[in-house]
Amino acid sequence: MVLSGGKDETTAGDDPAGDTVLVDRVLAGDRLAFRTLVERFEGTVAGVVHGMLGHDADADDVGQEAMVKLYGALSTFRHEASLKTFVTRIAINCCLDHLKKRKRFFRRFRAMDDALDEAQPDPMDRTGRAEERQAVMRAMASLEPAFRSVVVLRLIEGHSTLETAEILDVPEGTVLSRLARARKHLAAQLEGYENG
């Protein structure tokens, strides 16, 4: 599965009754039903993973890991939240796990940190838009994962404050607080681009 980025507005989570039937079929051993679930939520997972990790070389692997974990976790799905919320929570957790592993790796190899962590601009793309995109990616990468996840879910994926709180399993006030702090941080990081 190659993650394409973005979410599938027309199918992911729009049919809770259909989602329940699919989950029941997967739990009964129907592989085709799981393939349908993967197709239905691939865009959702891609949007979350790419929002959290940017163009990390491991983004596709993290997306696939999220789908594998979804398969293993379906038996714990209690229908208290939508399946889309459930899938998004799994994707966020996989991203957070990946970021922790990456942080430990870079801590061990501190000398390589600057070279590997810095976004390298494409020499063939010299437009101001590419530079701006790189600046936004660097600013997002500079956010702590707890704040980045709120930005991805609220501002990029378009979840409501309540949905974001459910996905992250935090109070709504925490979502609002983290979002305010993240916006302030991003504004400071991107100040030169806003004024230029």
Foldseek 3Di string as FASTA:
>chain_A
DAQDEAADVPAALPDQVLVVVLLVCVVVPDPVSLVVVCVRGSHVLSLLLCLLPPVPVCSRVLSVVLSVVCSVCSVVDPSPDGVSLVSNLSSLVSSLVVVVVVVVVCVVVVVCCVVVVQDDQDPVDDDPVSVLVSLLVVLLVPDDSVLSSLCSVCPVRNDDLVSSCSSNVHDSVVSVVSPVVSVVSSCVSCVVVVVD
